[in-house]
Amino acid sequence: MKKLSLLKAIIDYIWIITCIPLSIILPFFCIYMFIDSSVLSFVFSNNIIGTKTSILSLQYFSIGVILTIFTALYCFYLFRKTLVYFKNAMPFHTSVIYNFNIIGQLLIAVSLVSIMLLILFVVVLHQEFNFVTNLGIIPYLVLLSLGLFFMILSQVFKMAKHTKQENDLTI
């Protein structure tokens, strides 16, 4: 239980320090970038903003990135919620199984959308794409693997819950 308490404390710390401020700042950034496009210079370098790429395409790209960040924050929130069930000694609760499955599906969606956004960004800005030099896809493949892991974990917990229920009925 000490490891679980430590994990919960670390997750709560990350939630307070990172996720809450991001969920407050990103909507304001999303709105403000349409009012004053110079705010995009905080995210993109000046040579990208000065190229043939239109400001509107950078704004749409930023919205896609912000939506994927919010989806990842929601996954983190569900994981936090799931840890509460583990801490209360209810690992086979229906919400745990459901949360693991949703986390897996959302992480897969985030990774696929991020890969598409990365490829689109490189193709639109640099008008070329080379798989050898663009190894930025690797972290998103790890995220895809993590999503599949959470979905498998959901199935394992579902089977364990079913086995536990059968075992409880046996005399």
N, C-alpha and C. Protein backbone atom coordinates (compact mmCIF):
# COMPACT_ATOMS: atom_id res chain seq x y z
N MET A 1 0.81 -1.21 0.00
CA MET A 1 0.00 0.00 0.00
C MET A 1 0.84 1.26 0.00
N LYS A 2 2.10 1.14 0.47
CA LYS A 2 2.95 2.32 0.47
C LYS A 2 3.25 2.77 -0.96
N LYS A 3 3.44 1.79 -1.85
CA LYS A 3 3.71 2.13 -3.26
C LYS A 3 2.51 2.80 -3.89
N LEU A 4 1.33 2.32 -3.56
CA LEU A 4 0.11 2.92 -4.10
C LEU A 4 -0.07 4.35 -3.57
N SER A 5 0.20 4.55 -2.30
CA SER A 5 0.11 5.89 -1.73
C SER A 5 1.13 6.83 -2.36
N LEU A 6 2.33 6.32 -2.62
CA LEU A 6 3.36 7.13 -3.27
C LEU A 6 2.94 7.48 -4.70
N LEU A 7 2.42 6.49 -5.42
CA LEU A 7 1.94 6.74 -6.78
C LEU A 7 0.82 7.77 -6.79
N LYS A 8 -0.13 7.63 -5.89
CA LYS A 8 -1.25 8.58 -5.80
C LYS A 8 -0.74 9.98 -5.47
N ALA A 9 0.23 10.09 -4.59
CA ALA A 9 0.79 11.39 -4.23
C ALA A 9 1.50 12.03 -5.43
N ILE A 10 2.25 11.23 -6.18
CA ILE A 10 2.95 11.76 -7.35
C ILE A 10 1.95 12.21 -8.42
N ILE A 11 0.94 11.39 -8.65
CA ILE A 11 -0.09 11.72 -9.64
C ILE A 11 -0.84 12.99 -9.23
N ASP A 12 -1.17 13.11 -7.96
CA ASP A 12 -1.85 14.32 -7.47
C ASP A 12 -0.96 15.55 -7.62
N TYR A 13 0.32 15.39 -7.35
CA TYR A 13 1.26 16.50 -7.50
C TYR A 13 1.32 16.96 -8.96
N ILE A 14 1.44 16.00 -9.87
CA ILE A 14 1.47 16.33 -11.30
C ILE A 14 0.16 17.00 -11.71
N TRP A 15 -0.95 16.50 -11.18
CA TRP A 15 -2.26 17.07 -11.51
C TRP A 15 -2.34 18.54 -11.08
N ILE A 16 -1.89 18.84 -9.87
CA ILE A 16 -1.98 20.20 -9.34
C ILE A 16 -0.99 21.14 -10.04
N ILE A 17 0.23 20.67 -10.26
CA ILE A 17 1.28 21.52 -10.82
C ILE A 17 1.13 21.71 -12.33
N THR A 18 0.69 20.68 -13.04
CA THR A 18 0.68 20.74 -14.50
C THR A 18 -0.72 20.80 -15.10
N CYS A 19 -1.56 19.86 -14.74
CA CYS A 19 -2.84 19.70 -15.44
C CYS A 19 -3.83 20.83 -15.16
N ILE A 20 -3.95 21.24 -13.93
CA ILE A 20 -4.89 22.31 -13.61
C ILE A 20 -4.48 23.63 -14.29
N PRO A 21 -3.19 24.04 -14.19
CA PRO A 21 -2.83 25.27 -14.91
C PRO A 21 -3.01 25.16 -16.44
N LEU A 22 -2.69 24.00 -17.01
CA LEU A 22 -2.87 23.83 -18.45
C LEU A 22 -4.33 23.94 -18.85
N SER A 23 -5.21 23.36 -18.03
CA SER A 23 -6.64 23.41 -18.37
C SER A 23 -7.21 24.82 -18.23
N ILE A 24 -6.51 25.69 -17.52
CA ILE A 24 -6.94 27.08 -17.40
C ILE A 24 -6.31 27.94 -18.50
N ILE A 25 -5.02 27.72 -18.78
CA ILE A 25 -4.28 28.57 -19.72
C ILE A 25 -4.64 28.27 -21.18
N LEU A 26 -4.78 27.00 -21.53
CA LEU A 26 -4.99 26.64 -22.94
C LEU A 26 -6.26 27.22 -23.56
N PRO A 27 -7.40 27.25 -22.87
CA PRO A 27 -8.56 27.88 -23.53
C PRO A 27 -8.35 29.37 -23.81
N PHE A 28 -7.68 30.06 -22.89
CA PHE A 28 -7.40 31.48 -23.13
C PHE A 28 -6.44 31.65 -24.31
N PHE A 29 -5.44 30.78 -24.39
CA PHE A 29 -4.51 30.83 -25.53
C PHE A 29 -5.25 30.54 -26.83
N CYS A 30 -6.15 29.58 -26.79
CA CYS A 30 -6.92 29.20 -27.99
C CYS A 30 -7.74 30.37 -28.51
N ILE A 31 -8.34 31.11 -27.62
CA ILE A 31 -9.15 32.26 -28.03
C ILE A 31 -8.26 33.44 -28.43
N TYR A 32 -7.22 33.67 -27.64
CA TYR A 32 -6.38 34.84 -27.87
C TYR A 32 -5.58 34.75 -29.16
N MET A 33 -5.25 33.52 -29.60
CA MET A 33 -4.46 33.41 -30.83
C MET A 33 -5.26 33.85 -32.06
N PHE A 34 -6.60 33.86 -31.98
CA PHE A 34 -7.39 34.38 -33.08
C PHE A 34 -7.52 35.90 -33.00
N ILE A 35 -7.38 36.45 -31.79
CA ILE A 35 -7.44 37.91 -31.62
C ILE A 35 -6.11 38.54 -32.02
N ASP A 36 -5.02 38.00 -31.49
CA ASP A 36 -3.69 38.52 -31.79
C ASP A 36 -2.80 37.35 -32.22
N SER A 37 -2.52 37.26 -33.50
CA SER A 37 -1.77 36.12 -34.03
C SER A 37 -0.29 36.16 -33.64
N SER A 38 0.18 37.25 -33.08
CA SER A 38 1.58 37.32 -32.67
C SER A 38 1.86 36.41 -31.47
N VAL A 39 0.82 35.97 -30.79
CA VAL A 39 1.00 35.06 -29.66
C VAL A 39 1.50 33.70 -30.14
N LEU A 40 1.34 33.40 -31.40
CA LEU A 40 1.83 32.13 -31.95
C LEU A 40 3.35 32.06 -31.93
N SER A 41 4.01 33.21 -31.81
CA SER A 41 5.47 33.21 -31.77
C SER A 41 5.99 32.56 -30.48
N PHE A 42 5.14 32.40 -29.46
CA PHE A 42 5.55 31.68 -28.25
C PHE A 42 5.68 30.19 -28.53
N VAL A 43 4.88 29.69 -29.47
CA VAL A 43 4.86 28.26 -29.77
C VAL A 43 5.73 27.93 -30.97
N PHE A 44 5.62 28.72 -32.02
CA PHE A 44 6.36 28.48 -33.26
C PHE A 44 7.50 29.48 -33.38
N SER A 45 8.59 29.04 -33.99
CA SER A 45 9.70 29.96 -34.19
C SER A 45 9.34 30.99 -35.26
N ASN A 46 10.04 32.10 -35.26
CA ASN A 46 9.73 33.19 -36.19
C ASN A 46 9.95 32.80 -37.65
N ASN A 47 10.89 31.88 -37.93
CA ASN A 47 11.11 31.49 -39.32
C ASN A 47 9.94 30.64 -39.83
N ILE A 48 9.22 29.94 -38.95
CA ILE A 48 8.03 29.19 -39.37
C ILE A 48 6.89 30.15 -39.65
N ILE A 49 6.72 31.15 -38.79
CA ILE A 49 5.64 32.11 -38.97
C ILE A 49 5.89 32.96 -40.22
N GLY A 50 7.15 33.22 -40.55
CA GLY A 50 7.46 34.05 -41.69
C GLY A 50 7.43 33.32 -43.02
N THR A 51 7.25 32.02 -43.03
CA THR A 51 7.25 31.26 -44.28
C THR A 51 5.93 31.43 -45.02
N LYS A 52 5.78 30.64 -46.08
CA LYS A 52 4.58 30.70 -46.91
C LYS A 52 3.33 30.21 -46.16
N THR A 53 3.53 29.56 -45.02
CA THR A 53 2.42 29.02 -44.26
C THR A 53 1.55 30.15 -43.72
N SER A 54 0.26 30.02 -43.91
CA SER A 54 -0.63 31.08 -43.45
C SER A 54 -0.83 30.98 -41.94
N ILE A 55 -1.13 32.11 -41.36
CA ILE A 55 -1.39 32.17 -39.92
C ILE A 55 -2.60 31.32 -39.57
N LEU A 56 -3.59 31.30 -40.45
CA LEU A 56 -4.81 30.53 -40.20
C LEU A 56 -4.50 29.04 -40.11
N SER A 57 -3.61 28.53 -40.94
CA SER A 57 -3.27 27.10 -40.86
C SER A 57 -2.52 26.80 -39.56
N LEU A 58 -1.67 27.73 -39.10
CA LEU A 58 -1.00 27.55 -37.81
C LEU A 58 -2.01 27.59 -36.66
N GLN A 59 -3.02 28.43 -36.78
CA GLN A 59 -4.04 28.49 -35.74
C GLN A 59 -4.85 27.20 -35.69
N TYR A 60 -5.20 26.66 -36.86
CA TYR A 60 -5.93 25.39 -36.89
C TYR A 60 -5.07 24.24 -36.37
N PHE A 61 -3.79 24.26 -36.72
CA PHE A 61 -2.87 23.27 -36.19
C PHE A 61 -2.80 23.36 -34.66
N SER A 62 -2.74 24.59 -34.15
CA SER A 62 -2.68 24.80 -32.70
C SER A 62 -3.94 24.29 -32.02
N ILE A 63 -5.09 24.47 -32.64
CA ILE A 63 -6.34 23.96 -32.07
C ILE A 63 -6.30 22.44 -32.00
N GLY A 64 -5.77 21.79 -33.04
CA GLY A 64 -5.64 20.33 -33.02
C GLY A 64 -4.74 19.86 -31.90
N VAL A 65 -3.63 20.57 -31.71
CA VAL A 65 -2.71 20.21 -30.63
C VAL A 65 -3.38 20.43 -29.27
N ILE A 66 -4.10 21.53 -29.12
CA ILE A 66 -4.77 21.82 -27.85
C ILE A 66 -5.83 20.77 -27.55
N LEU A 67 -6.57 20.34 -28.55
CA LEU A 67 -7.59 19.30 -28.34
C LEU A 67 -6.95 17.97 -27.94
N THR A 68 -5.80 17.63 -28.52
CA THR A 68 -5.13 16.40 -28.11
C THR A 68 -4.58 16.51 -26.69
N ILE A 69 -4.12 17.70 -26.32
CA ILE A 69 -3.64 17.90 -24.95
C ILE A 69 -4.80 17.75 -23.96
N PHE A 70 -5.98 18.32 -24.29
CA PHE A 70 -7.12 18.17 -23.40
C PHE A 70 -7.56 16.70 -23.29
N THR A 71 -7.46 15.97 -24.37
CA THR A 71 -7.80 14.54 -24.33
C THR A 71 -6.82 13.78 -23.43
N ALA A 72 -5.54 14.11 -23.54
CA ALA A 72 -4.55 13.48 -22.68
C ALA A 72 -4.77 13.87 -21.22
N LEU A 73 -5.16 15.11 -20.96
CA LEU A 73 -5.47 15.53 -19.59
C LEU A 73 -6.66 14.75 -19.03
N TYR A 74 -7.65 14.49 -19.87
CA TYR A 74 -8.80 13.70 -19.44
C TYR A 74 -8.38 12.26 -19.11
N CYS A 75 -7.47 11.71 -19.89
CA CYS A 75 -6.94 10.37 -19.59
C CYS A 75 -6.24 10.37 -18.23
N PHE A 76 -5.47 11.42 -17.98
CA PHE A 76 -4.78 11.54 -16.70
C PHE A 76 -5.78 11.65 -15.56
N TYR A 77 -6.87 12.39 -15.78
CA TYR A 77 -7.92 12.53 -14.78
C TYR A 77 -8.57 11.17 -14.49
N LEU A 78 -8.85 10.41 -15.53
CA LEU A 78 -9.46 9.08 -15.33
C LEU A 78 -8.52 8.15 -14.57
N PHE A 79 -7.22 8.26 -14.86
CA PHE A 79 -6.25 7.44 -14.13
C PHE A 79 -6.21 7.82 -12.66
N ARG A 80 -6.29 9.11 -12.38
CA ARG A 80 -6.36 9.59 -10.99
C ARG A 80 -7.58 9.03 -10.28
N LYS A 81 -8.70 9.07 -10.99
CA LYS A 81 -9.95 8.55 -10.43
C LYS A 81 -9.86 7.05 -10.17
N THR A 82 -9.20 6.34 -11.05
CA THR A 82 -9.05 4.90 -10.91
C THR A 82 -8.18 4.55 -9.70
N LEU A 83 -7.16 5.36 -9.45
CA LEU A 83 -6.29 5.12 -8.30
C LEU A 83 -7.06 5.22 -6.98
N VAL A 84 -8.11 6.03 -6.95
CA VAL A 84 -8.93 6.14 -5.73
C VAL A 84 -9.61 4.80 -5.45
N TYR A 85 -10.08 4.13 -6.50
CA TYR A 85 -10.70 2.81 -6.32
C TYR A 85 -9.68 1.80 -5.81
N PHE A 86 -8.45 1.86 -6.31
CA PHE A 86 -7.41 0.96 -5.82
C PHE A 86 -7.10 1.25 -4.36
N LYS A 87 -7.05 2.53 -4.02
CA LYS A 87 -6.74 2.91 -2.64
C LYS A 87 -7.85 2.46 -1.68
N ASN A 88 -9.10 2.43 -2.17
CA ASN A 88 -10.22 1.97 -1.35
C ASN A 88 -10.43 0.46 -1.43
N ALA A 89 -9.44 -0.25 -1.96
CA ALA A 89 -9.45 -1.72 -2.07
C ALA A 89 -10.62 -2.23 -2.89
N MET A 90 -10.93 -1.54 -3.99
CA MET A 90 -11.98 -1.98 -4.92
C MET A 90 -11.41 -2.07 -6.34
N PRO A 91 -10.42 -2.98 -6.55
CA PRO A 91 -9.79 -3.02 -7.87
C PRO A 91 -10.68 -3.60 -8.97
N PHE A 92 -11.72 -4.34 -8.59
CA PHE A 92 -12.57 -4.96 -9.61
C PHE A 92 -13.89 -4.23 -9.80
N HIS A 93 -13.93 -2.98 -9.38
CA HIS A 93 -15.13 -2.18 -9.56
C HIS A 93 -15.35 -1.96 -11.06
N THR A 94 -16.61 -1.85 -11.44
CA THR A 94 -16.94 -1.67 -12.85
C THR A 94 -16.33 -0.39 -13.42
N SER A 95 -16.23 0.64 -12.62
CA SER A 95 -15.63 1.90 -13.07
C SER A 95 -14.15 1.74 -13.41
N VAL A 96 -13.45 0.89 -12.69
CA VAL A 96 -12.04 0.66 -12.97
C VAL A 96 -11.87 0.04 -14.36
N ILE A 97 -12.67 -0.96 -14.64
CA ILE A 97 -12.61 -1.63 -15.94
C ILE A 97 -12.98 -0.65 -17.05
N TYR A 98 -14.04 0.10 -16.83
CA TYR A 98 -14.50 1.08 -17.82
C TYR A 98 -13.44 2.17 -18.04
N ASN A 99 -12.86 2.67 -16.93
CA ASN A 99 -11.85 3.74 -17.04
C ASN A 99 -10.61 3.25 -17.78
N PHE A 100 -10.15 2.04 -17.50
CA PHE A 100 -8.98 1.51 -18.20
C PHE A 100 -9.26 1.40 -19.69
N ASN A 101 -10.45 0.96 -20.06
CA ASN A 101 -10.80 0.83 -21.47
C ASN A 101 -10.87 2.21 -22.15
N ILE A 102 -11.51 3.16 -21.50
CA ILE A 102 -11.61 4.52 -22.06
C ILE A 102 -10.24 5.16 -22.17
N ILE A 103 -9.40 5.00 -21.14
CA ILE A 103 -8.05 5.55 -21.19
C ILE A 103 -7.30 4.97 -22.38
N GLY A 104 -7.41 3.67 -22.58
CA GLY A 104 -6.74 3.03 -23.71
C GLY A 104 -7.22 3.56 -25.04
N GLN A 105 -8.52 3.66 -25.21
CA GLN A 105 -9.07 4.16 -26.47
C GLN A 105 -8.65 5.60 -26.73
N LEU A 106 -8.70 6.43 -25.69
CA LEU A 106 -8.32 7.84 -25.86
C LEU A 106 -6.83 8.01 -26.13
N LEU A 107 -5.99 7.20 -25.47
CA LEU A 107 -4.56 7.29 -25.73
C LEU A 107 -4.22 6.86 -27.16
N ILE A 108 -4.93 5.86 -27.66
CA ILE A 108 -4.73 5.45 -29.05
C ILE A 108 -5.15 6.58 -29.98
N ALA A 109 -6.28 7.20 -29.69
CA ALA A 109 -6.75 8.32 -30.52
C ALA A 109 -5.76 9.48 -30.47
N VAL A 110 -5.26 9.80 -29.28
CA VAL A 110 -4.30 10.90 -29.13
C VAL A 110 -3.03 10.60 -29.92
N SER A 111 -2.55 9.37 -29.84
CA SER A 111 -1.31 9.05 -30.56
C SER A 111 -1.51 9.11 -32.07
N LEU A 112 -2.62 8.58 -32.56
CA LEU A 112 -2.86 8.61 -34.01
C LEU A 112 -3.06 10.04 -34.53
N VAL A 113 -3.83 10.83 -33.78
CA VAL A 113 -4.03 12.23 -34.19
C VAL A 113 -2.72 13.00 -34.12
N SER A 114 -1.92 12.73 -33.10
CA SER A 114 -0.63 13.42 -32.98
C SER A 114 0.31 13.06 -34.12
N ILE A 115 0.32 11.79 -34.50
CA ILE A 115 1.15 11.37 -35.64
C ILE A 115 0.68 12.08 -36.91
N MET A 116 -0.63 12.13 -37.11
CA MET A 116 -1.15 12.81 -38.30
C MET A 116 -0.81 14.31 -38.27
N LEU A 117 -0.96 14.94 -37.11
CA LEU A 117 -0.62 16.36 -37.00
C LEU A 117 0.86 16.60 -37.26
N LEU A 118 1.71 15.71 -36.74
CA LEU A 118 3.15 15.85 -36.95
C LEU A 118 3.49 15.73 -38.43
N ILE A 119 2.94 14.73 -39.09
CA ILE A 119 3.21 14.53 -40.51
C ILE A 119 2.68 15.72 -41.31
N LEU A 120 1.47 16.15 -41.00
CA LEU A 120 0.89 17.29 -41.70
C LEU A 120 1.73 18.55 -41.50
N PHE A 121 2.18 18.76 -40.28
CA PHE A 121 2.99 19.94 -39.96
C PHE A 121 4.29 19.94 -40.75
N VAL A 122 4.96 18.79 -40.79
CA VAL A 122 6.23 18.70 -41.50
C VAL A 122 6.01 18.85 -43.00
N VAL A 123 4.97 18.23 -43.53
CA VAL A 123 4.70 18.30 -44.96
C VAL A 123 4.30 19.72 -45.37
N VAL A 124 3.45 20.37 -44.59
CA VAL A 124 2.98 21.71 -44.95
C VAL A 124 4.10 22.73 -44.82
N LEU A 125 4.89 22.65 -43.77
CA LEU A 125 5.92 23.67 -43.56
C LEU A 125 7.18 23.44 -44.39
N HIS A 126 7.62 22.20 -44.46
CA HIS A 126 8.89 21.94 -45.14
C HIS A 126 8.71 21.35 -46.53
N GLN A 127 7.50 21.05 -46.92
CA GLN A 127 7.16 20.47 -48.22
C GLN A 127 7.94 19.19 -48.51
N GLU A 128 8.33 18.49 -47.46
CA GLU A 128 9.01 17.21 -47.64
C GLU A 128 8.81 16.38 -46.39
N PHE A 129 8.90 15.09 -46.55
CA PHE A 129 8.80 14.20 -45.40
C PHE A 129 9.71 13.01 -45.63
N ASN A 130 10.58 12.76 -44.69
CA ASN A 130 11.50 11.65 -44.77
C ASN A 130 11.41 10.86 -43.48
N PHE A 131 11.03 9.59 -43.57
CA PHE A 131 10.85 8.78 -42.37
C PHE A 131 12.16 8.57 -41.61
N VAL A 132 13.28 8.61 -42.30
CA VAL A 132 14.56 8.39 -41.64
C VAL A 132 14.91 9.57 -40.74
N THR A 133 14.71 10.79 -41.23
CA THR A 133 15.10 11.96 -40.44
C THR A 133 14.01 12.41 -39.47
N ASN A 134 12.77 12.03 -39.69
CA ASN A 134 11.68 12.46 -38.80
C ASN A 134 11.33 11.35 -37.82
N LEU A 135 12.19 11.15 -36.83
CA LEU A 135 11.95 10.12 -35.83
C LEU A 135 11.12 10.64 -34.67
N GLY A 136 10.45 11.78 -34.85
CA GLY A 136 9.59 12.33 -33.81
C GLY A 136 8.33 11.49 -33.63
N ILE A 137 8.12 10.52 -34.49
CA ILE A 137 6.94 9.67 -34.40
C ILE A 137 7.10 8.65 -33.27
N ILE A 138 8.31 8.33 -32.89
CA ILE A 138 8.57 7.28 -31.91
C ILE A 138 7.83 7.51 -30.58
N PRO A 139 7.83 8.70 -29.98
CA PRO A 139 7.08 8.87 -28.72
C PRO A 139 5.57 8.59 -28.88
N TYR A 140 5.05 8.89 -30.04
CA TYR A 140 3.63 8.65 -30.27
C TYR A 140 3.33 7.17 -30.44
N LEU A 141 4.31 6.41 -30.93
CA LEU A 141 4.16 4.97 -30.99
C LEU A 141 4.18 4.37 -29.59
N VAL A 142 4.99 4.94 -28.71
CA VAL A 142 5.00 4.50 -27.31
C VAL A 142 3.64 4.81 -26.67
N LEU A 143 3.08 5.96 -26.99
CA LEU A 143 1.76 6.32 -26.49
C LEU A 143 0.69 5.37 -27.03
N LEU A 144 0.82 4.97 -28.28
CA LEU A 144 -0.09 3.99 -28.87
C LEU A 144 0.03 2.66 -28.14
N SER A 145 1.24 2.25 -27.83
CA SER A 145 1.46 1.01 -27.09
C SER A 145 0.86 1.09 -25.69
N LEU A 146 0.99 2.24 -25.07
CA LEU A 146 0.42 2.44 -23.74
C LEU A 146 -1.10 2.36 -23.79
N GLY A 147 -1.71 2.91 -24.83
CA GLY A 147 -3.15 2.81 -25.00
C GLY A 147 -3.60 1.37 -25.16
N LEU A 148 -2.87 0.60 -25.97
CA LEU A 148 -3.19 -0.82 -26.12
C LEU A 148 -3.01 -1.57 -24.81
N PHE A 149 -1.98 -1.20 -24.04
CA PHE A 149 -1.76 -1.82 -22.74
C PHE A 149 -2.95 -1.57 -21.80
N PHE A 150 -3.46 -0.35 -21.77
CA PHE A 150 -4.61 -0.06 -20.90
C PHE A 150 -5.85 -0.83 -21.35
N MET A 151 -6.02 -1.01 -22.64
CA MET A 151 -7.17 -1.79 -23.11
C MET A 151 -7.03 -3.26 -22.73
N ILE A 152 -5.82 -3.80 -22.82
CA ILE A 152 -5.57 -5.18 -22.40
C ILE A 152 -5.76 -5.30 -20.90
N LEU A 153 -5.30 -4.31 -20.16
CA LEU A 153 -5.47 -4.30 -18.71
C LEU A 153 -6.96 -4.31 -18.34
N SER A 154 -7.75 -3.59 -19.10
CA SER A 154 -9.20 -3.59 -18.89
C SER A 154 -9.78 -4.99 -19.07
N GLN A 155 -9.35 -5.68 -20.12
CA GLN A 155 -9.83 -7.05 -20.35
C GLN A 155 -9.37 -8.01 -19.26
N VAL A 156 -8.15 -7.85 -18.78
CA VAL A 156 -7.64 -8.70 -17.70
C VAL A 156 -8.46 -8.48 -16.43
N PHE A 157 -8.75 -7.23 -16.11
CA PHE A 157 -9.55 -6.94 -14.92
C PHE A 157 -10.98 -7.47 -15.08
N LYS A 158 -11.51 -7.42 -16.29
CA LYS A 158 -12.85 -7.94 -16.53
C LYS A 158 -12.88 -9.46 -16.32
N MET A 159 -11.86 -10.16 -16.82
CA MET A 159 -11.78 -11.61 -16.61
C MET A 159 -11.57 -11.93 -15.14
N ALA A 160 -10.74 -11.14 -14.45
CA ALA A 160 -10.48 -11.38 -13.03
C ALA A 160 -11.75 -11.13 -12.21
N LYS A 161 -12.51 -10.12 -12.58
CA LYS A 161 -13.77 -9.85 -11.87
C LYS A 161 -14.74 -11.00 -12.05
N HIS A 162 -14.83 -11.51 -13.28
CA HIS A 162 -15.72 -12.64 -13.55
C HIS A 162 -15.28 -13.88 -12.76
N THR A 163 -13.97 -14.15 -12.73
CA THR A 163 -13.45 -15.28 -11.97
C THR A 163 -13.69 -15.11 -10.48
N LYS A 164 -13.53 -13.90 -9.98
CA LYS A 164 -13.77 -13.63 -8.56
C LYS A 164 -15.23 -13.86 -8.21
N GLN A 165 -16.14 -13.43 -9.07
CA GLN A 165 -17.55 -13.64 -8.82
C GLN A 165 -17.91 -15.12 -8.82
N GLU A 166 -17.33 -15.88 -9.74
CA GLU A 166 -17.57 -17.34 -9.76
C GLU A 166 -16.99 -17.98 -8.52
N ASN A 167 -15.82 -17.52 -8.09
CA ASN A 167 -15.18 -18.08 -6.90
C ASN A 167 -15.98 -17.75 -5.64
N ASP A 168 -16.59 -16.58 -5.58
CA ASP A 168 -17.40 -16.20 -4.42
C ASP A 168 -18.67 -17.04 -4.33
N LEU A 169 -19.17 -17.51 -5.47
CA LEU A 169 -20.38 -18.33 -5.47
C LEU A 169 -20.11 -19.79 -5.13
N THR A 170 -18.85 -20.21 -5.27
CA THR A 170 -18.49 -21.60 -4.97
C THR A 170 -18.39 -21.80 -3.46
N ILE A 171 -18.93 -22.90 -3.02
CA ILE A 171 -18.89 -23.18 -1.57
C ILE A 171 -17.66 -23.95 -1.21
